Protein backbone atom coordinates (compact mmCIF):
# COMPACT_ATOMS: atom_id res chain seq x y z
CA MET A 1 3.59 4.74 10.67
CA GLY A 2 0.08 3.89 11.77
CA SER A 3 -3.56 4.44 10.93
CA LEU A 4 -5.90 7.39 10.57
CA VAL A 5 -9.56 7.92 11.43
CA ALA A 6 -11.80 10.97 11.06
CA ALA A 7 -15.47 11.59 11.76
CA VAL A 8 -18.05 14.34 11.29
CA ASP A 9 -21.24 14.03 13.33
CA LYS A 10 -24.07 15.32 11.15
CA GLN A 11 -26.57 15.42 14.04
CA GLY A 12 -24.61 16.72 17.02
CA ASN A 13 -21.28 16.72 18.87
CA GLY A 14 -20.53 13.01 19.16
CA ALA A 15 -17.65 12.81 16.67
CA PRO A 16 -14.92 12.14 19.30
CA GLU A 17 -16.85 9.20 20.74
CA ALA A 18 -17.26 7.76 17.23
CA ALA A 19 -13.57 8.24 16.45
CA ILE A 20 -12.59 6.42 19.66
CA LYS A 21 -14.78 3.48 18.64
CA MET A 22 -13.10 3.47 15.25
CA LEU A 23 -9.63 3.46 16.79
CA GLY A 24 -10.67 0.53 18.96
CA MET A 25 -11.02 -1.58 15.80
CA LEU A 26 -7.41 -0.85 14.80
CA VAL A 27 -5.66 -2.25 17.88
CA ARG A 28 -2.35 -4.00 17.14
CA SER A 29 0.67 -5.07 19.14
CA SER A 30 3.03 -2.66 17.35
CA ALA A 31 1.01 0.42 18.42
CA ARG A 32 2.84 2.80 20.75
CA SER A 33 -0.05 5.20 21.37
CA TYR A 34 -3.50 6.31 20.26
CA GLY A 35 -4.51 9.92 19.74
CA ILE A 36 -7.82 11.73 19.39
CA ALA A 37 -8.56 15.40 18.72
CA SER A 38 -11.22 17.96 18.00
CA SER A 39 -10.18 21.11 16.13
CA THR A 40 -8.59 22.51 19.32
CA ASN A 41 -8.17 19.68 21.82
CA ILE A 42 -5.65 16.80 21.57
CA ARG A 43 -5.47 13.73 23.78
CA ILE A 44 -2.87 10.91 23.39
CA ARG A 45 -2.92 7.71 25.46
CA GLU A 46 -1.40 4.21 25.43
CA LYS A 47 -4.71 2.45 24.67
CA PRO A 48 -7.86 3.60 22.86
CA GLU A 49 -10.13 2.90 25.84
CA MET A 50 -8.04 5.36 27.91
CA LEU A 51 -9.10 8.18 25.58
CA ASN A 52 -12.51 8.22 27.28
CA ASP A 53 -11.06 9.61 30.51
CA LYS A 54 -12.46 13.06 29.75
CA ARG A 55 -15.31 13.68 27.35
CA ILE A 56 -14.76 15.97 24.38
CA GLU A 57 -17.83 17.27 22.59
CA SER A 58 -17.31 18.28 18.98
CA ARG A 59 -18.91 17.94 15.58
CA VAL A 60 -15.57 16.84 14.13
CA ALA A 61 -12.80 14.57 15.35
CA ILE A 62 -9.67 12.91 13.98
CA GLY A 63 -7.63 10.09 15.46
CA HIS A 64 -4.33 8.28 14.98
CA LEU A 65 -2.76 4.95 15.84
CA PHE A 66 0.98 5.51 16.24
CA SER A 67 3.48 2.76 15.46
CA GLU A 68 7.07 4.00 15.38
CA VAL A 69 9.24 3.09 12.38
CA LEU A 70 11.90 5.80 12.43
CA ASN A 71 13.34 7.40 15.55
CA ARG A 72 12.10 10.79 14.35
CA ASP A 73 8.47 9.61 14.09
CA GLU A 74 6.18 11.06 16.73
CA PRO A 75 2.65 10.49 18.09
CA GLN A 76 -0.26 12.36 16.55
CA PRO A 77 -2.58 14.30 16.10
CA VAL A 78 -0.53 17.52 16.00
CA LEU A 79 -1.68 21.09 16.44
CA LEU A 80 -1.65 23.52 13.53
CA LYS A 81 -2.11 27.26 13.94
CA ASP A 82 -5.91 27.08 13.86
CA ALA A 83 -6.68 23.38 13.40
CA VAL A 84 -5.44 19.84 14.20
CA MET A 85 -3.89 17.39 11.78
CA VAL A 86 -3.00 13.72 11.27
CA PHE A 87 -0.46 12.93 8.54
CA GLU A 88 0.25 9.28 7.83
CA GLY A 89 3.01 8.42 5.37
CA ARG A 90 6.23 9.76 3.89
CA LEU A 91 7.33 12.66 1.73
CA TRP A 92 10.07 12.04 -0.86
CA PRO A 93 12.83 13.03 -0.55
CA SER A 94 12.40 12.52 3.16
CA SER A 95 13.97 14.84 5.73
CA THR A 96 16.72 13.12 7.71
CA HIS A 97 15.98 14.96 10.93
CA LYS A 98 12.40 16.28 10.91
CA PRO A 99 9.34 14.03 11.36
CA ASP A 100 7.34 13.78 8.14
CA VAL A 101 4.29 15.08 10.00
CA GLU A 102 6.24 18.21 10.95
CA VAL A 103 7.29 18.85 7.35
CA ALA A 104 3.70 18.29 6.20
CA ALA A 105 2.38 20.60 8.92
CA GLU A 106 4.58 23.41 7.64
CA LYS A 107 3.15 22.92 4.14
CA LEU A 108 -0.45 22.70 5.35
CA GLN A 109 -0.53 25.63 7.78
CA PRO A 110 -2.00 28.49 5.71
CA GLU A 111 -5.44 28.21 4.07
CA HIS A 112 -5.77 24.49 4.67
CA GLU A 113 -7.86 23.65 1.63
CA ASN A 114 -5.52 25.38 -0.83
CA SER A 115 -2.46 24.04 0.98
CA ALA A 116 -3.86 20.51 0.84
CA GLU A 117 -4.26 20.79 -2.92
CA ALA A 118 -0.72 22.12 -3.27
CA LEU A 119 0.70 19.26 -1.21
CA ILE A 120 -0.92 16.63 -3.44
CA ARG A 121 -0.05 18.47 -6.63
CA GLU A 122 3.58 19.31 -5.83
CA ALA A 123 4.95 16.95 -3.17
CA GLY A 124 6.36 13.53 -3.89
CA GLY A 125 5.36 10.89 -1.39
CA ASP A 126 3.12 8.10 -0.18
CA PHE A 127 0.64 9.65 2.24
CA ILE A 128 -2.84 10.35 3.55
CA PHE A 129 -3.89 13.17 5.86
CA ALA A 130 -6.85 14.70 7.67
CA ILE A 131 -7.23 18.21 9.07
CA ALA A 132 -9.90 18.95 11.67
CA GLU A 133 -11.44 22.41 11.60
CA PRO A 134 -14.38 23.42 13.85
CA GLU A 135 -17.10 22.41 11.37
CA ARG A 136 -15.37 20.22 8.80
CA VAL A 137 -12.56 17.78 7.99
CA ILE A 138 -10.23 18.23 5.03
CA ALA A 139 -8.67 14.96 3.87
CA GLY A 140 -6.34 13.97 1.07
CA ARG A 141 -4.40 11.12 -0.52
CA ASP A 142 -1.36 11.01 -2.79
CA SER A 143 -1.86 10.48 -6.51
CA ILE A 144 -0.90 6.76 -6.55
CA GLY A 145 -2.79 5.71 -3.41
CA SER A 146 0.01 3.79 -1.70
CA ARG A 147 -1.54 4.18 1.77
CA PRO A 148 -5.06 2.80 2.33
CA LEU A 149 -7.90 5.21 3.00
CA TYR A 150 -11.66 4.59 2.90
CA TYR A 151 -14.75 6.70 3.42
CA GLY A 152 -18.45 6.29 4.04
CA GLU A 153 -21.49 8.16 5.28
CA ASN A 154 -25.05 7.77 6.47
CA SER A 155 -27.57 10.05 8.14
CA ASN A 156 -25.43 10.23 11.29
CA PHE A 157 -21.79 10.37 10.20
CA ALA A 158 -19.40 11.17 7.39
CA ALA A 159 -16.16 9.37 8.23
CA LEU A 160 -12.77 8.21 6.94
CA ALA A 161 -10.38 5.50 8.08
CA SER A 162 -7.31 3.50 7.08
CA GLU A 163 -9.36 0.31 7.40
CA ARG A 164 -12.95 -0.40 6.44
CA LYS A 165 -13.69 -2.17 9.73
CA ALA A 166 -13.33 1.12 11.58
CA LEU A 167 -16.15 2.54 9.45
CA TRP A 168 -18.24 -0.61 9.92
CA LYS A 169 -17.96 -0.12 13.68
CA ILE A 170 -19.98 3.11 13.57
CA GLY A 171 -22.60 1.71 11.21
CA LEU A 172 -21.15 2.68 7.84
CA GLN A 173 -21.53 -0.58 5.93
CA ALA A 174 -21.21 0.95 2.44
CA THR A 175 -17.59 2.08 2.09
CA ASP A 176 -15.43 3.16 -0.83
CA SER A 177 -11.75 3.65 -1.48
CA PHE A 178 -10.78 7.32 -1.25
CA PRO A 179 -9.83 8.45 -4.80
CA PRO A 180 -6.05 8.97 -5.10
CA GLY A 181 -4.84 12.45 -5.96
CA SER A 182 -7.93 14.06 -4.43
CA ILE A 183 -8.99 16.10 -1.45
CA ALA A 184 -12.36 15.77 0.27
CA ILE A 185 -14.30 18.19 2.41
CA ALA A 186 -16.47 16.38 4.97
CA ASN A 187 -19.08 18.35 6.89
CA LYS A 188 -22.65 17.92 8.14
CA LYS A 189 -23.85 17.78 4.53
CA GLY A 190 -21.54 14.88 3.68
CA PHE A 191 -18.57 14.60 1.33
CA GLU A 192 -17.44 16.85 -1.48
CA PHE A 193 -14.44 15.62 -3.52
CA LYS A 194 -12.04 17.54 -5.71
CA LEU A 195 -9.58 15.80 -8.02
CA VAL A 196 -6.18 17.51 -7.83
CA LYS A 197 -3.66 15.25 -9.57
CA THR A 198 -4.13 12.06 -11.55
CA LEU A 199 -2.53 10.04 -14.32
CA VAL A 200 -3.74 10.82 -17.83
CA LEU A 201 -3.85 8.40 -20.75
CA GLU A 202 -1.92 10.38 -23.34
CA LYS A 203 -0.89 9.57 -26.87
CA PRO A 204 2.31 7.47 -26.70
CA ARG A 205 5.53 9.40 -27.02
CA GLN A 206 7.85 7.74 -29.48
CA THR A 207 11.24 6.74 -28.10
CA SER A 208 13.90 4.12 -28.59
CA MET A 209 14.36 1.12 -26.32
CA HIS A 210 17.81 2.41 -25.41
CA ALA A 211 16.51 5.85 -24.37
CA ALA A 212 13.54 4.42 -22.47
CA ALA A 213 15.72 1.98 -20.52
CA ARG A 214 18.18 4.73 -19.65
CA THR A 215 15.41 7.00 -18.33
CA LEU A 216 13.76 4.16 -16.43
CA GLN A 217 17.04 3.24 -14.75
CA ARG A 218 17.50 6.81 -13.55
CA LEU A 219 13.94 6.97 -12.20
CA LEU A 220 14.25 3.62 -10.43
CA GLU A 221 17.59 4.52 -8.87
CA GLN A 222 16.09 7.75 -7.51
CA SER A 223 12.93 6.02 -6.26
CA VAL A 224 14.84 3.36 -4.35
CA LYS A 225 17.33 5.90 -3.02
CA TYR A 226 14.50 8.01 -1.61
CA ARG A 227 12.86 4.99 0.03
CA VAL A 228 15.99 3.75 1.82
CA ALA A 229 17.48 7.13 2.77
CA GLY A 230 18.36 7.24 6.45
CA LEU A 231 17.99 3.47 6.92
CA LYS A 232 20.78 1.16 8.01
CA GLU A 233 19.03 -2.01 6.88
CA VAL A 234 15.95 -2.99 4.96
CA ALA A 235 13.97 -6.11 4.11
CA VAL A 236 13.00 -7.00 0.54
CA ALA A 237 10.10 -9.35 -0.17
CA PHE A 238 11.97 -11.62 -2.58
CA SER A 239 10.71 -14.11 -5.13
CA GLY A 240 13.85 -14.22 -7.24
CA GLY A 241 11.92 -12.71 -10.15
CA LEU A 242 12.71 -9.61 -12.17
CA ASP A 243 10.87 -7.01 -10.08
CA SER A 244 12.08 -7.97 -6.60
CA SER A 245 15.62 -8.56 -7.92
CA ILE A 246 15.78 -5.04 -9.36
CA VAL A 247 14.56 -3.56 -6.07
CA ALA A 248 17.07 -5.62 -4.06
CA PHE A 249 19.94 -4.76 -6.41
CA LEU A 250 19.25 -1.02 -6.28
CA ALA A 251 18.82 -1.06 -2.50
CA LYS A 252 22.25 -2.67 -2.21
CA GLN A 253 23.66 0.00 -4.54
CA SER A 254 22.23 2.61 -2.17
CA SER A 255 24.56 1.42 0.60
CA VAL A 256 21.95 -0.10 2.90
CA ASP A 257 22.15 -3.61 4.37
CA VAL A 258 19.62 -5.70 2.43
CA HIS A 259 17.91 -8.79 3.83
CA LEU A 260 16.02 -10.85 1.26
CA ILE A 261 12.94 -12.58 2.66
CA HIS A 262 11.55 -15.50 0.68
CA VAL A 263 8.36 -17.21 1.84
CA SER A 264 6.59 -20.20 0.36
CA LEU A 265 4.85 -23.42 1.14
CA GLU A 266 7.19 -26.39 1.25
CA ASN A 267 8.56 -28.19 -1.82
CA GLN A 268 8.14 -25.40 -4.37
CA LEU A 269 10.64 -25.14 -7.24
CA GLU A 270 10.81 -21.34 -7.05
CA THR A 271 12.51 -21.52 -3.66
CA VAL A 272 15.55 -23.20 -5.17
CA TYR A 273 15.64 -20.54 -7.88
CA ALA A 274 15.31 -17.68 -5.35
CA ILE A 275 18.27 -19.00 -3.36
CA LYS A 276 20.36 -19.21 -6.54
CA VAL A 277 19.52 -15.62 -7.54
CA ALA A 278 20.31 -14.37 -4.03
CA GLU A 279 23.75 -15.96 -4.32
CA GLU A 280 24.31 -14.27 -7.68
CA LEU A 281 23.26 -10.92 -6.17
CA ARG A 282 25.53 -11.63 -3.18
CA LEU A 283 22.79 -10.84 -0.73
CA PRO A 284 21.68 -12.77 2.38
CA ILE A 285 18.39 -14.60 1.98
CA HIS A 286 16.08 -15.73 4.77
CA VAL A 287 13.91 -18.61 3.58
CA CYS A 288 10.68 -19.33 5.47
CA LEU A 289 8.80 -22.45 4.41
CA PHE A 290 5.30 -23.27 5.63
CA LYS A 291 3.07 -26.32 5.81
CA GLU A 292 -0.53 -26.72 4.73
CA GLU A 293 -1.72 -26.44 8.32
CA ASP A 294 0.13 -23.11 8.62
CA LEU A 295 -1.88 -21.78 5.70
CA GLU A 296 -5.15 -23.03 7.13
CA GLN A 297 -4.38 -21.40 10.47
CA VAL A 298 -3.51 -17.98 9.04
CA ILE A 299 -6.43 -17.63 6.61
CA PRO A 300 -8.94 -16.09 9.09
CA LYS A 301 -6.43 -13.48 10.25
CA VAL A 302 -5.41 -12.47 6.72
CA LEU A 303 -9.03 -12.22 5.57
CA TRP A 304 -9.87 -9.96 8.50
CA ILE A 305 -6.91 -7.70 7.74
CA ILE A 306 -7.52 -7.39 4.00
CA GLU A 307 -11.28 -7.08 4.62
CA ASP A 308 -12.09 -9.09 1.52
CA SER A 309 -12.74 -12.77 0.73
CA LYS A 310 -11.70 -12.91 -2.93
CA PRO A 311 -9.50 -16.00 -3.47
CA LEU A 312 -6.92 -14.07 -5.49
CA ASN A 313 -6.45 -11.45 -2.78
CA LEU A 314 -6.04 -14.14 -0.14
CA SER A 315 -3.56 -16.11 -2.26
CA ILE A 316 -1.39 -13.03 -2.73
CA GLY A 317 -1.99 -11.68 0.75
CA VAL A 318 -0.76 -14.73 2.67
CA PRO A 319 2.84 -14.54 1.34
CA ILE A 320 2.91 -10.79 2.05
CA PHE A 321 1.68 -11.48 5.59
CA TRP A 322 4.37 -14.11 6.15
CA ALA A 323 7.13 -11.89 4.72
CA ALA A 324 6.14 -8.96 6.95
CA GLU A 325 5.93 -11.29 9.94
CA LYS A 326 9.47 -12.48 9.28
CA ALA A 327 10.74 -8.92 8.83
CA ALA A 328 9.20 -7.92 12.15
CA SER A 329 10.82 -10.90 13.90
CA MET A 330 14.18 -9.67 12.57
CA LYS A 331 13.47 -6.16 13.95
CA LEU A 332 13.34 -4.75 10.42
CA LYS A 333 10.94 -1.83 10.24
CA VAL A 334 10.84 -1.23 6.48
CA MET A 335 10.21 -3.74 3.69
CA LEU A 336 10.58 -3.04 -0.02
CA ALA A 337 8.69 -4.99 -2.68
CA GLY A 338 8.22 -5.01 -6.45
CA GLN A 339 4.47 -4.41 -6.65
CA ALA A 340 3.18 -2.25 -9.55
CA ALA A 341 5.84 -3.31 -12.06
CA ASP A 342 3.51 -5.75 -13.83
CA GLU A 343 0.78 -3.15 -14.31
CA LEU A 344 3.15 -0.39 -15.39
CA PHE A 345 5.21 -2.45 -17.83
CA ALA A 346 2.67 -5.00 -19.14
CA GLY A 347 3.84 -8.01 -17.17
CA TYR A 348 0.64 -10.04 -17.38
CA ARG A 349 -0.25 -12.40 -20.21
CA LYS A 350 -3.75 -10.89 -20.36
CA TYR A 351 -2.33 -7.71 -21.90
CA VAL A 352 -0.91 -9.60 -24.87
CA GLU A 353 -4.16 -11.51 -25.25
CA ASN A 354 -6.10 -8.25 -25.11
CA TYR A 355 -3.89 -6.76 -27.83
CA LEU A 356 -4.27 -9.76 -30.11
CA SER A 357 -8.05 -9.85 -29.65
CA PHE A 358 -8.95 -6.16 -29.71
CA GLY A 359 -5.95 -4.20 -30.95
CA GLU A 360 -3.34 -1.83 -29.56
CA GLU A 361 -5.62 0.93 -28.31
CA LYS A 362 -7.81 -1.43 -26.29
CA ALA A 363 -4.70 -3.02 -24.78
CA ARG A 364 -3.31 0.39 -23.79
CA LYS A 365 -6.60 1.32 -22.14
CA ARG A 366 -6.69 -2.01 -20.27
CA ILE A 367 -3.15 -1.47 -18.95
CA PHE A 368 -3.96 2.13 -17.97
CA HIS A 369 -7.11 1.03 -16.15
CA ASP A 370 -5.10 -1.48 -14.12
CA VAL A 371 -2.48 1.14 -13.25
CA THR A 372 -5.09 3.61 -12.01
CA SER A 373 -6.87 0.85 -10.07
CA ILE A 374 -3.77 -0.58 -8.44
CA HIS A 375 -4.50 1.09 -5.11
CA GLU A 376 -7.67 -0.98 -4.73
CA ASN A 377 -6.41 -4.17 -6.36
CA ASN A 378 -3.02 -4.44 -4.65
CA LEU A 379 -1.55 -1.60 -2.62
CA GLU A 380 -4.22 -1.27 0.07
CA ARG A 381 -4.17 -4.99 0.77
CA ASP A 382 -0.41 -5.26 1.07
CA CYS A 383 0.04 -2.12 3.16
CA LYS A 384 -2.55 -3.28 5.71
CA LEU A 385 -0.90 -6.70 6.01
CA CYS A 386 2.49 -5.15 6.69
CA SER A 387 1.12 -2.54 9.08
CA LEU A 388 -0.30 -5.25 11.30
CA HIS A 389 3.26 -6.35 12.04
CA GLY A 390 4.59 -2.81 12.50
CA VAL A 391 6.41 -3.00 9.17
CA GLU A 392 6.25 -0.12 6.71
CA LEU A 393 5.85 -1.26 3.11
CA ARG A 394 7.62 0.90 0.54
CA LEU A 395 7.13 0.28 -3.17
CA PRO A 396 9.71 1.85 -5.50
CA PHE A 397 7.72 1.05 -8.65
CA ALA A 398 4.58 2.72 -7.24
CA ASP A 399 6.13 6.13 -7.73
CA CYS A 400 4.35 9.01 -9.44
CA GLY A 401 7.29 9.84 -11.69
CA ILE A 402 7.70 6.24 -12.80
CA ALA A 403 3.95 5.87 -13.37
CA GLU A 404 3.80 9.03 -15.50
CA PHE A 405 6.77 7.82 -17.55
CA ALA A 406 5.37 4.31 -18.01
CA THR A 407 1.92 5.45 -19.13
CA ARG A 408 3.49 7.50 -21.94
CA LEU A 409 5.53 4.61 -23.38
CA PRO A 410 4.49 2.97 -26.66
CA ILE A 411 3.15 -0.51 -26.08
CA ASN A 412 5.88 -2.15 -28.17
CA ILE A 413 8.44 -0.86 -25.65
CA LYS A 414 6.65 -2.88 -22.98
CA MET A 415 5.76 -6.12 -24.75
CA LYS A 416 5.87 -8.10 -27.97
CA PRO A 417 2.28 -8.36 -29.28
CA GLN A 418 2.44 -12.01 -30.33
CA PRO A 419 1.40 -15.32 -28.71
CA ASP A 420 3.75 -16.04 -25.79
CA GLY A 421 5.52 -12.77 -26.58
CA LEU A 422 8.04 -11.42 -24.08
CA ARG A 423 6.62 -8.90 -21.63
CA LYS A 424 8.19 -6.10 -19.53
CA ILE A 425 10.79 -5.70 -22.28
CA VAL A 426 11.99 -2.24 -21.25
CA LEU A 427 12.31 -3.37 -17.63
CA ARG A 428 14.38 -6.37 -18.71
CA LYS A 429 16.61 -4.09 -20.81
CA THR A 430 17.02 -1.82 -17.78
CA ALA A 431 17.97 -4.76 -15.56
CA LYS A 432 20.52 -5.93 -18.13
CA ASN A 433 22.04 -2.44 -18.31
CA MET A 434 22.35 -2.37 -14.54
CA GLY A 435 24.25 -5.64 -14.57
CA LEU A 436 21.72 -8.06 -13.13
CA PRO A 437 22.28 -11.78 -13.88
CA GLU A 438 20.95 -13.10 -17.19
CA THR A 439 18.88 -15.67 -15.29
CA VAL A 440 16.92 -12.77 -13.79
CA VAL A 441 16.69 -10.71 -16.98
CA GLU A 442 15.28 -13.58 -19.03
CA LYS A 443 13.08 -15.23 -16.39
CA PRO A 444 9.40 -15.54 -17.46
CA LYS A 445 6.74 -13.94 -15.27
CA LYS A 446 5.22 -16.34 -12.72
CA ALA A 447 2.48 -15.16 -10.36
CA MET A 448 3.14 -15.24 -6.63
CA GLN A 449 -0.02 -17.19 -5.81
CA TYR A 450 1.21 -20.06 -7.99
CA THR A 451 4.95 -20.04 -7.25
CA THR A 452 4.36 -20.17 -3.49
CA GLY A 453 1.84 -23.00 -3.79
CA VAL A 454 -0.83 -21.04 -1.91
CA ASP A 455 -3.43 -21.05 -4.69
CA LYS A 456 -3.25 -24.81 -5.23
CA THR A 457 -3.33 -25.62 -1.52
CA LEU A 458 -6.21 -23.23 -0.92
CA LYS A 459 -8.28 -24.98 -3.57
CA ARG A 460 -7.52 -28.32 -1.95
CA LEU A 461 -8.61 -27.05 1.47
CA ALA A 462 -11.91 -25.84 0.01
CA LYS A 463 -12.45 -29.14 -1.77
CA GLU A 464 -11.99 -31.00 1.51
CA LYS A 465 -14.85 -28.85 2.88
CA GLU A 466 -16.91 -29.81 -0.17
CA THR A 467 -17.34 -26.22 -1.29
CA SER A 468 -15.85 -23.70 -3.72
CA THR A 469 -12.82 -21.64 -2.75
CA LYS A 470 -14.92 -18.48 -2.92
CA GLU A 471 -17.58 -19.85 -0.58
CA TYR A 472 -14.99 -21.38 1.76
CA LEU A 473 -13.34 -17.98 2.28
CA ARG A 474 -16.64 -16.11 2.50
CA ARG A 475 -17.75 -18.31 5.39
CA ILE A 476 -14.47 -17.83 7.25
CA LEU A 477 -14.59 -14.05 6.93
CA GLU A 478 -18.25 -13.92 7.91
CA ASP A 479 -17.52 -15.93 11.06
CA ARG A 480 -14.56 -13.72 11.91
CA PHE A 481 -16.67 -10.63 11.37
CA LYS A 482 -19.35 -11.83 13.80
CA ARG A 483 -16.78 -12.57 16.48
CA MET A 484 -14.77 -9.35 16.10
CA MET A 485 -17.62 -6.87 15.75
């Protein structure tokens, strides 16, 4: 687990120098090594500044920050037959003895561009990759976009990175999220993208609630099984709600030791509920409660990591940051969470409101838009927060098979289109079939930013500064940016 960078120098042979600068922005305590490579030359060192010990001149370069999660993980870049590659992520089902990068390398060896398309089209997994050839870089991302990847270009460089700040460092201020399910060719002319695999909004396929719940249970069991295979223990970011309870329950069924991690500000009612649900699931829960001053102290760090000052992203990001921090302190390398369930199965009230105001088709399109945008709205943020602590975030709901199934379901299988109508109906039916407690199955959806108290406290902090929450966070991030860059 780690981060990826790649650069193409449009004007000369300074790509390795640019890539080293980019890696320097990704320094973290969990990093074991940093690697840099042209299409033929690989150098791996303990710190990014040590990569400058011998100059490499090349139009293209790729780099990698290595943070070990599994014993079989290994430093990168790695040499292909006629190129060099960085592969960041996992392939499902995962090999129990080969590094994922080695399995990917075998698939990407011949005719790199065609092989890259085949990997995205055929392989299950959460991954990004970059292949350095003499005059170009071939990059790709899985069809859901579980791992963050950004790109940008100007007259000097075309570059990619796991974090925007790495692109900012070499003068690329305008950055975009790399489109999931695509490959890109970067050369001296810039970027050329090709969409390989994506979700399609199809006409709903009629089915019964019983059949849909049965299929969903099978898909979820497989997804969780893949994501805990080979692990002895795993953390679960736990609210006590439907999504995290399903993930925790299925992880336990997969014969792995499960540690529930519940984080919140002090004196929140949901903490009592989470403890009760943990007891019903017969799983150990680690409760971490924070004070207002703890929130105020962590805001600058979280903003810098998520690279965004939107209040909603901060309010959701802080609990993820705290949960990953706790997992790391417990020496847990992998954390599961329930993200993507609300988008896939209509968990938000806005979907019902959209249906009642504009009709079924508009509501389906709104849900589909949120599913296909989830990489930008949620996954990138949460993955970066966990990576900072050396914790790998794995999201069983953010699975291509589950997403394809969910997008084909009729809307009445997901929600009741009436005021205050029940939402995530098929997921609740699935949980009931699996034997989860009724208190979990029937629990109404409550957003993390509210149940943890972060949203309310954040607004109070901004008010004390006599400004809006949006402006309060913008100023903090701007200050952090000036000091870090």
